[in-house]
Amino acid sequence: MGATTRAAFDPKPIRLGTVIDMIAGVAIYAGDVVAFKSTSTEDWTVYPCDNNETGSTGSGAPIGVALYSQATVGGKVAVAGYGSVVLVRNALDGTAIDAGTTIVPGTTAGMVIAGTAPNAGGVDCYHIGKALTGDAAGGATFYILINGPVLTPKGAA
């Protein structure tokens, strides 16, 4: 299984719950899952989220999905949060995600994977939501309901 290349895409919201104007800490693509950097104290600043707690990208708890791209560091970006139904991209080639699957940040910043892999490695795992549509092969987009972040601590199933 290889990684999918990160790229901008329209997250095509079906429903918007909480939407917050944030600040881009790096270039953000439309459709990126974003988070605060776990080691940062920058107010309102988000980064593309990954599942590496010590990484340089947005490695804290995922807070939502960028509704449009922002190439300018320090520029504003709208983030769809809790209660929103939006498209996200599957980070792993050859691994389909089914409806009802718990969704977590993937190792490719801004993209997601099924919710069992990161926690199986003995690290904390933040879930961002549940897949609403299924059979999303690697690189495909699919709808999720953002109902997180929810933390599954180390060693929990």
N, C-alpha and C. Protein backbone atom coordinates (compact mmCIF):
# COMPACT_ATOMS: atom_id res chain seq x y z
N MET A 1 0.84 -1.18 0.00
CA MET A 1 0.00 0.00 0.00
C MET A 1 0.88 1.24 0.00
N GLY A 2 0.67 2.08 -0.98
CA GLY A 2 1.41 3.32 -1.04
C GLY A 2 0.55 4.49 -0.63
N ALA A 3 1.18 5.62 -0.55
CA ALA A 3 0.46 6.84 -0.16
C ALA A 3 -0.13 7.52 -1.39
N THR A 4 -1.21 8.21 -1.19
CA THR A 4 -1.85 9.01 -2.22
C THR A 4 -1.23 10.40 -2.20
N THR A 5 -1.10 11.02 -3.37
CA THR A 5 -0.55 12.37 -3.44
C THR A 5 -1.59 13.38 -2.98
N ARG A 6 -1.18 14.27 -2.11
CA ARG A 6 -2.06 15.32 -1.59
C ARG A 6 -2.31 16.36 -2.68
N ALA A 7 -3.57 16.76 -2.83
CA ALA A 7 -3.96 17.77 -3.81
C ALA A 7 -5.26 18.42 -3.37
N ALA A 8 -5.50 19.62 -3.86
CA ALA A 8 -6.75 20.33 -3.54
C ALA A 8 -7.92 19.66 -4.25
N PHE A 9 -9.08 19.68 -3.61
CA PHE A 9 -10.33 19.23 -4.22
C PHE A 9 -11.47 19.93 -3.51
N ASP A 10 -12.61 20.00 -4.16
CA ASP A 10 -13.78 20.65 -3.58
C ASP A 10 -14.40 19.72 -2.53
N PRO A 11 -14.47 20.12 -1.26
CA PRO A 11 -15.05 19.25 -0.23
C PRO A 11 -16.57 19.14 -0.32
N LYS A 12 -17.20 19.87 -1.22
CA LYS A 12 -18.63 19.79 -1.52
C LYS A 12 -19.51 19.56 -0.29
N PRO A 13 -19.55 20.51 0.63
CA PRO A 13 -20.34 20.29 1.84
C PRO A 13 -21.81 20.03 1.53
N ILE A 14 -22.37 19.02 2.16
CA ILE A 14 -23.81 18.75 2.09
C ILE A 14 -24.49 19.50 3.23
N ARG A 15 -23.79 19.56 4.36
CA ARG A 15 -24.29 20.27 5.53
C ARG A 15 -23.10 20.92 6.22
N LEU A 16 -23.27 22.16 6.63
CA LEU A 16 -22.22 22.82 7.41
C LEU A 16 -22.70 22.97 8.84
N GLY A 17 -21.91 22.44 9.75
CA GLY A 17 -22.15 22.63 11.18
C GLY A 17 -21.40 23.88 11.61
N THR A 18 -20.46 23.70 12.50
CA THR A 18 -19.61 24.80 12.94
C THR A 18 -18.61 25.14 11.84
N VAL A 19 -18.51 26.41 11.48
CA VAL A 19 -17.51 26.88 10.53
C VAL A 19 -16.76 28.02 11.19
N ILE A 20 -15.42 27.93 11.19
CA ILE A 20 -14.59 28.92 11.87
C ILE A 20 -13.53 29.43 10.91
N ASP A 21 -13.34 30.75 10.88
CA ASP A 21 -12.23 31.32 10.12
C ASP A 21 -10.95 31.13 10.92
N MET A 22 -9.98 30.46 10.31
CA MET A 22 -8.71 30.19 10.96
C MET A 22 -7.60 30.84 10.15
N ILE A 23 -6.35 30.67 10.60
CA ILE A 23 -5.18 31.21 9.92
C ILE A 23 -4.32 30.03 9.44
N ALA A 24 -3.88 30.09 8.20
CA ALA A 24 -3.04 29.03 7.63
C ALA A 24 -1.61 29.17 8.13
N GLY A 25 -1.09 28.12 8.77
CA GLY A 25 0.30 28.11 9.23
C GLY A 25 1.27 27.75 8.12
N VAL A 26 0.78 27.06 7.10
CA VAL A 26 1.48 26.70 5.87
C VAL A 26 0.42 26.72 4.77
N ALA A 27 0.80 26.42 3.55
CA ALA A 27 -0.20 26.33 2.48
C ALA A 27 -1.21 25.23 2.82
N ILE A 28 -2.47 25.56 2.71
CA ILE A 28 -3.57 24.63 3.00
C ILE A 28 -4.32 24.39 1.69
N TYR A 29 -4.62 23.12 1.40
CA TYR A 29 -5.43 22.78 0.23
C TYR A 29 -6.89 22.64 0.61
N ALA A 30 -7.78 23.01 -0.31
CA ALA A 30 -9.20 22.73 -0.12
C ALA A 30 -9.36 21.23 0.11
N GLY A 31 -10.11 20.86 1.13
CA GLY A 31 -10.33 19.45 1.44
C GLY A 31 -9.36 18.88 2.46
N ASP A 32 -8.32 19.63 2.84
CA ASP A 32 -7.38 19.15 3.86
C ASP A 32 -8.07 19.03 5.21
N VAL A 33 -7.80 17.93 5.92
CA VAL A 33 -8.15 17.85 7.33
C VAL A 33 -7.08 18.67 8.06
N VAL A 34 -7.51 19.58 8.93
CA VAL A 34 -6.56 20.48 9.59
C VAL A 34 -6.62 20.35 11.10
N ALA A 35 -5.53 20.81 11.74
CA ALA A 35 -5.40 20.74 13.20
C ALA A 35 -4.45 21.83 13.65
N PHE A 36 -4.45 22.07 14.95
CA PHE A 36 -3.42 22.90 15.54
C PHE A 36 -2.16 22.06 15.64
N LYS A 37 -0.98 22.67 15.49
CA LYS A 37 0.27 21.95 15.68
C LYS A 37 0.39 21.64 17.17
N SER A 38 0.72 20.42 17.51
CA SER A 38 0.72 20.01 18.92
C SER A 38 1.76 20.75 19.75
N THR A 39 2.77 21.31 19.11
CA THR A 39 3.83 22.02 19.86
C THR A 39 3.74 23.53 19.70
N SER A 40 2.62 24.02 19.17
CA SER A 40 2.53 25.44 18.85
C SER A 40 1.65 26.20 19.84
N THR A 41 1.92 27.49 19.93
CA THR A 41 1.06 28.37 20.72
C THR A 41 0.49 29.47 19.83
N GLU A 42 0.48 29.25 18.52
CA GLU A 42 0.00 30.24 17.56
C GLU A 42 -1.53 30.31 17.62
N ASP A 43 -2.07 31.47 17.92
CA ASP A 43 -3.52 31.64 18.00
C ASP A 43 -4.18 31.39 16.65
N TRP A 44 -5.26 30.62 16.64
CA TRP A 44 -6.12 30.42 15.48
C TRP A 44 -5.41 29.81 14.28
N THR A 45 -4.22 29.25 14.43
CA THR A 45 -3.41 28.80 13.30
C THR A 45 -3.49 27.29 13.13
N VAL A 46 -3.81 26.86 11.90
CA VAL A 46 -3.97 25.44 11.60
C VAL A 46 -2.98 24.98 10.54
N TYR A 47 -2.77 23.68 10.53
CA TYR A 47 -1.86 23.00 9.62
C TYR A 47 -2.55 21.76 9.08
N PRO A 48 -2.12 21.23 7.93
CA PRO A 48 -2.68 19.96 7.47
C PRO A 48 -2.39 18.89 8.53
N CYS A 49 -3.39 18.15 8.90
CA CYS A 49 -3.29 17.20 10.01
C CYS A 49 -2.70 15.87 9.55
N ASP A 50 -1.83 15.30 10.37
CA ASP A 50 -1.36 13.93 10.16
C ASP A 50 -1.47 13.18 11.47
N ASN A 51 -1.15 11.89 11.46
CA ASN A 51 -1.30 11.10 12.69
C ASN A 51 0.01 10.95 13.45
N ASN A 52 0.95 11.84 13.20
CA ASN A 52 2.24 11.79 13.88
C ASN A 52 2.28 12.87 14.96
N GLU A 53 2.17 12.47 16.20
CA GLU A 53 2.09 13.44 17.29
C GLU A 53 3.32 14.33 17.43
N THR A 54 4.45 13.89 16.91
CA THR A 54 5.66 14.70 17.03
C THR A 54 6.05 15.33 15.70
N GLY A 55 5.17 15.26 14.71
CA GLY A 55 5.48 15.79 13.39
C GLY A 55 5.48 17.30 13.34
N SER A 56 5.90 17.83 12.20
CA SER A 56 5.98 19.28 12.03
C SER A 56 4.71 19.85 11.44
N THR A 57 3.80 19.00 10.99
CA THR A 57 2.53 19.48 10.45
C THR A 57 1.51 19.53 11.58
N GLY A 58 0.24 19.65 11.23
CA GLY A 58 -0.80 19.72 12.24
C GLY A 58 -1.03 18.39 12.88
N SER A 59 -0.25 18.08 13.87
CA SER A 59 -0.28 16.73 14.43
C SER A 59 -1.09 16.62 15.71
N GLY A 60 -1.79 17.67 16.09
CA GLY A 60 -2.68 17.58 17.23
C GLY A 60 -4.02 16.99 16.82
N ALA A 61 -5.05 17.26 17.59
CA ALA A 61 -6.37 16.74 17.30
C ALA A 61 -6.94 17.42 16.06
N PRO A 62 -7.50 16.65 15.11
CA PRO A 62 -8.10 17.26 13.92
C PRO A 62 -9.32 18.08 14.31
N ILE A 63 -9.43 19.28 13.77
CA ILE A 63 -10.57 20.13 14.14
C ILE A 63 -11.56 20.31 13.01
N GLY A 64 -11.18 19.96 11.78
CA GLY A 64 -12.12 20.12 10.68
C GLY A 64 -11.47 20.00 9.33
N VAL A 65 -12.22 20.45 8.30
CA VAL A 65 -11.80 20.33 6.91
C VAL A 65 -11.80 21.72 6.28
N ALA A 66 -10.69 22.05 5.61
CA ALA A 66 -10.59 23.35 4.93
C ALA A 66 -11.58 23.41 3.77
N LEU A 67 -12.36 24.48 3.72
CA LEU A 67 -13.37 24.62 2.68
C LEU A 67 -12.81 25.19 1.38
N TYR A 68 -11.64 25.81 1.43
CA TYR A 68 -10.99 26.31 0.23
C TYR A 68 -9.48 26.34 0.49
N SER A 69 -8.71 26.49 -0.59
CA SER A 69 -7.25 26.53 -0.47
C SER A 69 -6.80 27.91 0.00
N GLN A 70 -5.68 27.92 0.70
CA GLN A 70 -5.05 29.17 1.12
C GLN A 70 -3.54 28.99 0.96
N ALA A 71 -2.96 29.61 -0.07
CA ALA A 71 -1.53 29.47 -0.35
C ALA A 71 -0.67 30.39 0.50
N THR A 72 -1.27 31.45 1.05
CA THR A 72 -0.53 32.44 1.80
C THR A 72 -0.44 32.08 3.28
N VAL A 73 0.78 31.91 3.77
CA VAL A 73 0.96 31.69 5.21
C VAL A 73 0.46 32.93 5.94
N GLY A 74 -0.41 32.74 6.91
CA GLY A 74 -1.01 33.85 7.63
C GLY A 74 -2.35 34.28 7.05
N GLY A 75 -2.72 33.72 5.89
CA GLY A 75 -4.00 34.04 5.27
C GLY A 75 -5.14 33.30 5.96
N LYS A 76 -6.34 33.79 5.76
CA LYS A 76 -7.53 33.18 6.37
C LYS A 76 -7.98 31.96 5.58
N VAL A 77 -8.51 30.97 6.30
CA VAL A 77 -9.10 29.79 5.69
C VAL A 77 -10.31 29.37 6.54
N ALA A 78 -11.44 29.11 5.88
CA ALA A 78 -12.64 28.66 6.58
C ALA A 78 -12.53 27.14 6.80
N VAL A 79 -12.84 26.73 8.02
CA VAL A 79 -12.74 25.32 8.39
C VAL A 79 -14.11 24.81 8.82
N ALA A 80 -14.60 23.78 8.13
CA ALA A 80 -15.86 23.13 8.51
C ALA A 80 -15.57 22.19 9.67
N GLY A 81 -16.31 22.36 10.77
CA GLY A 81 -16.05 21.58 11.97
C GLY A 81 -17.22 20.71 12.36
N TYR A 82 -17.37 20.51 13.66
CA TYR A 82 -18.35 19.61 14.25
C TYR A 82 -19.73 19.76 13.61
N GLY A 83 -20.32 18.63 13.21
CA GLY A 83 -21.65 18.61 12.63
C GLY A 83 -21.68 18.80 11.13
N SER A 84 -20.53 19.03 10.51
CA SER A 84 -20.49 19.22 9.05
C SER A 84 -20.41 17.88 8.33
N VAL A 85 -20.95 17.84 7.12
CA VAL A 85 -20.85 16.68 6.24
C VAL A 85 -20.10 17.14 5.00
N VAL A 86 -18.87 16.65 4.84
CA VAL A 86 -17.97 17.09 3.77
C VAL A 86 -17.20 15.92 3.18
N LEU A 87 -16.62 16.14 2.01
CA LEU A 87 -15.74 15.15 1.40
C LEU A 87 -14.34 15.24 2.01
N VAL A 88 -13.69 14.08 2.18
CA VAL A 88 -12.28 13.98 2.54
C VAL A 88 -11.64 12.96 1.60
N ARG A 89 -10.31 12.90 1.59
CA ARG A 89 -9.61 11.98 0.68
C ARG A 89 -8.92 10.86 1.44
N ASN A 90 -9.09 9.63 0.94
CA ASN A 90 -8.44 8.44 1.48
C ASN A 90 -6.95 8.50 1.16
N ALA A 91 -6.10 8.35 2.17
CA ALA A 91 -4.65 8.50 2.01
C ALA A 91 -3.95 7.25 1.49
N LEU A 92 -4.58 6.09 1.56
CA LEU A 92 -3.86 4.86 1.21
C LEU A 92 -4.36 4.24 -0.07
N ASP A 93 -3.45 3.99 -1.02
CA ASP A 93 -3.79 3.26 -2.24
C ASP A 93 -4.14 1.82 -1.87
N GLY A 94 -5.13 1.27 -2.52
CA GLY A 94 -5.46 -0.14 -2.35
C GLY A 94 -6.22 -0.47 -1.08
N THR A 95 -6.61 0.50 -0.29
CA THR A 95 -7.35 0.24 0.94
C THR A 95 -8.67 1.00 0.87
N ALA A 96 -9.75 0.27 0.65
CA ALA A 96 -11.06 0.91 0.58
C ALA A 96 -11.58 1.22 1.98
N ILE A 97 -12.35 2.29 2.08
CA ILE A 97 -12.99 2.66 3.35
C ILE A 97 -14.49 2.51 3.16
N ASP A 98 -15.13 1.80 4.06
CA ASP A 98 -16.56 1.53 3.98
C ASP A 98 -17.36 2.51 4.80
N ALA A 99 -18.64 2.66 4.45
CA ALA A 99 -19.55 3.48 5.23
C ALA A 99 -19.60 2.97 6.67
N GLY A 100 -19.65 3.90 7.62
CA GLY A 100 -19.69 3.54 9.04
C GLY A 100 -18.33 3.41 9.69
N THR A 101 -17.25 3.47 8.90
CA THR A 101 -15.90 3.34 9.43
C THR A 101 -15.51 4.61 10.19
N THR A 102 -14.85 4.43 11.32
CA THR A 102 -14.28 5.56 12.06
C THR A 102 -13.09 6.09 11.28
N ILE A 103 -13.01 7.42 11.14
CA ILE A 103 -12.00 8.05 10.30
C ILE A 103 -11.01 8.82 11.17
N VAL A 104 -9.71 8.63 10.87
CA VAL A 104 -8.63 9.31 11.58
C VAL A 104 -7.68 9.94 10.57
N PRO A 105 -6.84 10.88 11.00
CA PRO A 105 -5.83 11.44 10.10
C PRO A 105 -4.88 10.36 9.62
N GLY A 106 -4.44 10.47 8.38
CA GLY A 106 -3.48 9.52 7.82
C GLY A 106 -2.06 10.02 7.98
N THR A 107 -1.11 9.22 7.50
CA THR A 107 0.29 9.64 7.57
C THR A 107 0.59 10.72 6.54
N THR A 108 -0.22 10.80 5.48
CA THR A 108 -0.09 11.89 4.51
C THR A 108 -0.91 13.05 5.04
N ALA A 109 -0.25 14.15 5.34
CA ALA A 109 -0.92 15.30 5.95
C ALA A 109 -2.11 15.75 5.12
N GLY A 110 -3.22 16.04 5.82
CA GLY A 110 -4.42 16.52 5.17
C GLY A 110 -5.39 15.45 4.74
N MET A 111 -4.95 14.19 4.73
CA MET A 111 -5.80 13.08 4.28
C MET A 111 -6.09 12.13 5.44
N VAL A 112 -6.97 11.16 5.19
CA VAL A 112 -7.46 10.29 6.26
C VAL A 112 -7.30 8.81 5.92
N ILE A 113 -7.44 7.99 6.97
CA ILE A 113 -7.45 6.53 6.83
C ILE A 113 -8.52 5.98 7.76
N ALA A 114 -8.76 4.66 7.66
CA ALA A 114 -9.66 3.99 8.58
C ALA A 114 -9.07 4.05 9.99
N GLY A 115 -9.91 4.04 11.01
CA GLY A 115 -9.51 4.36 12.36
C GLY A 115 -8.77 3.37 13.19
N THR A 116 -8.40 2.21 12.68
CA THR A 116 -7.74 1.24 13.54
C THR A 116 -6.22 1.30 13.50
N ALA A 117 -5.64 1.71 12.38
CA ALA A 117 -4.19 1.60 12.20
C ALA A 117 -3.34 2.40 13.18
N PRO A 118 -3.55 3.70 13.37
CA PRO A 118 -2.63 4.43 14.24
C PRO A 118 -2.65 3.95 15.68
N ASN A 119 -3.83 3.63 16.21
CA ASN A 119 -3.91 3.21 17.59
C ASN A 119 -3.29 1.84 17.80
N ALA A 120 -3.31 1.00 16.77
CA ALA A 120 -2.71 -0.32 16.88
C ALA A 120 -1.22 -0.22 17.12
N GLY A 121 -0.62 0.90 16.74
CA GLY A 121 0.81 1.11 16.95
C GLY A 121 1.15 1.63 18.34
N GLY A 122 0.17 1.69 19.23
CA GLY A 122 0.44 2.11 20.60
C GLY A 122 0.56 3.61 20.79
N VAL A 123 -0.06 4.39 19.92
CA VAL A 123 -0.05 5.84 20.07
C VAL A 123 -1.48 6.34 20.26
N ASP A 124 -1.61 7.53 20.83
CA ASP A 124 -2.93 8.14 20.92
C ASP A 124 -3.48 8.32 19.51
N CYS A 125 -4.79 8.21 19.37
CA CYS A 125 -5.42 8.30 18.06
C CYS A 125 -6.63 9.21 18.15
N TYR A 126 -6.65 10.27 17.36
CA TYR A 126 -7.78 11.18 17.32
C TYR A 126 -8.68 10.84 16.14
N HIS A 127 -9.94 10.57 16.41
CA HIS A 127 -10.92 10.32 15.35
C HIS A 127 -11.54 11.66 14.98
N ILE A 128 -11.76 11.87 13.68
CA ILE A 128 -12.42 13.10 13.25
C ILE A 128 -13.88 12.87 12.93
N GLY A 129 -14.25 11.64 12.56
CA GLY A 129 -15.65 11.40 12.23
C GLY A 129 -15.92 10.00 11.74
N LYS A 130 -17.08 9.86 11.09
CA LYS A 130 -17.53 8.57 10.55
C LYS A 130 -17.78 8.71 9.06
N ALA A 131 -17.38 7.68 8.30
CA ALA A 131 -17.65 7.65 6.86
C ALA A 131 -19.15 7.47 6.63
N LEU A 132 -19.71 8.30 5.78
CA LEU A 132 -21.13 8.20 5.43
C LEU A 132 -21.34 7.47 4.11
N THR A 133 -20.33 7.51 3.25
CA THR A 133 -20.37 6.78 1.99
C THR A 133 -19.21 5.80 1.97
N GLY A 134 -19.35 4.73 1.20
CA GLY A 134 -18.35 3.67 1.27
C GLY A 134 -17.68 3.34 -0.04
N ASP A 135 -16.87 2.28 0.05
CA ASP A 135 -16.08 1.78 -1.07
C ASP A 135 -15.16 2.85 -1.65
N ALA A 136 -14.60 3.68 -0.76
CA ALA A 136 -13.68 4.73 -1.18
C ALA A 136 -12.28 4.15 -1.27
N ALA A 137 -11.85 3.82 -2.48
CA ALA A 137 -10.52 3.25 -2.69
C ALA A 137 -9.46 4.32 -2.43
N GLY A 138 -8.20 3.91 -2.42
CA GLY A 138 -7.11 4.84 -2.18
C GLY A 138 -7.15 6.02 -3.12
N GLY A 139 -7.05 7.21 -2.57
CA GLY A 139 -7.07 8.43 -3.34
C GLY A 139 -8.47 8.96 -3.62
N ALA A 140 -9.49 8.14 -3.38
CA ALA A 140 -10.87 8.57 -3.64
C ALA A 140 -11.36 9.48 -2.52
N THR A 141 -12.34 10.30 -2.86
CA THR A 141 -12.99 11.13 -1.86
C THR A 141 -14.28 10.46 -1.42
N PHE A 142 -14.69 10.74 -0.19
CA PHE A 142 -15.92 10.19 0.35
C PHE A 142 -16.42 11.12 1.43
N TYR A 143 -17.72 11.04 1.71
CA TYR A 143 -18.32 11.92 2.71
C TYR A 143 -18.15 11.38 4.11
N ILE A 144 -17.87 12.32 5.04
CA ILE A 144 -17.84 11.98 6.46
C ILE A 144 -18.74 12.97 7.22
N LEU A 145 -19.19 12.52 8.36
CA LEU A 145 -19.82 13.39 9.35
C LEU A 145 -18.73 13.72 10.35
N ILE A 146 -18.39 15.00 10.48
CA ILE A 146 -17.37 15.40 11.46
C ILE A 146 -18.03 15.41 12.83
N ASN A 147 -17.59 14.50 13.69
CA ASN A 147 -18.13 14.43 15.04
C ASN A 147 -17.00 14.31 16.05
N GLY A 148 -15.87 14.85 15.70
CA GLY A 148 -14.70 14.78 16.56
C GLY A 148 -14.05 16.14 16.65
N PRO A 149 -12.93 16.21 17.31
CA PRO A 149 -12.08 15.08 17.62
C PRO A 149 -12.55 14.29 18.84
N VAL A 150 -12.30 13.00 18.75
CA VAL A 150 -12.52 12.08 19.86
C VAL A 150 -11.22 11.33 20.06
N LEU A 151 -10.71 11.28 21.26
CA LEU A 151 -9.42 10.64 21.53
C LEU A 151 -9.61 9.20 21.95
N THR A 152 -8.87 8.29 21.28
CA THR A 152 -8.73 6.91 21.74
C THR A 152 -7.31 6.82 22.30
N PRO A 153 -7.15 6.69 23.64
CA PRO A 153 -5.81 6.69 24.23
C PRO A 153 -5.00 5.46 23.88
N LYS A 154 -3.69 5.56 24.08
CA LYS A 154 -2.77 4.46 23.83
C LYS A 154 -3.30 3.18 24.43
N GLY A 155 -3.25 2.12 23.63
CA GLY A 155 -3.63 0.80 24.13
C GLY A 155 -5.13 0.53 24.15
N ALA A 156 -5.96 1.52 23.92
CA ALA A 156 -7.41 1.30 23.92
C ALA A 156 -7.84 0.73 22.58
N ALA A 157 -8.88 -0.05 22.58
CA ALA A 157 -9.37 -0.65 21.32
C ALA A 157 -10.36 0.25 20.66
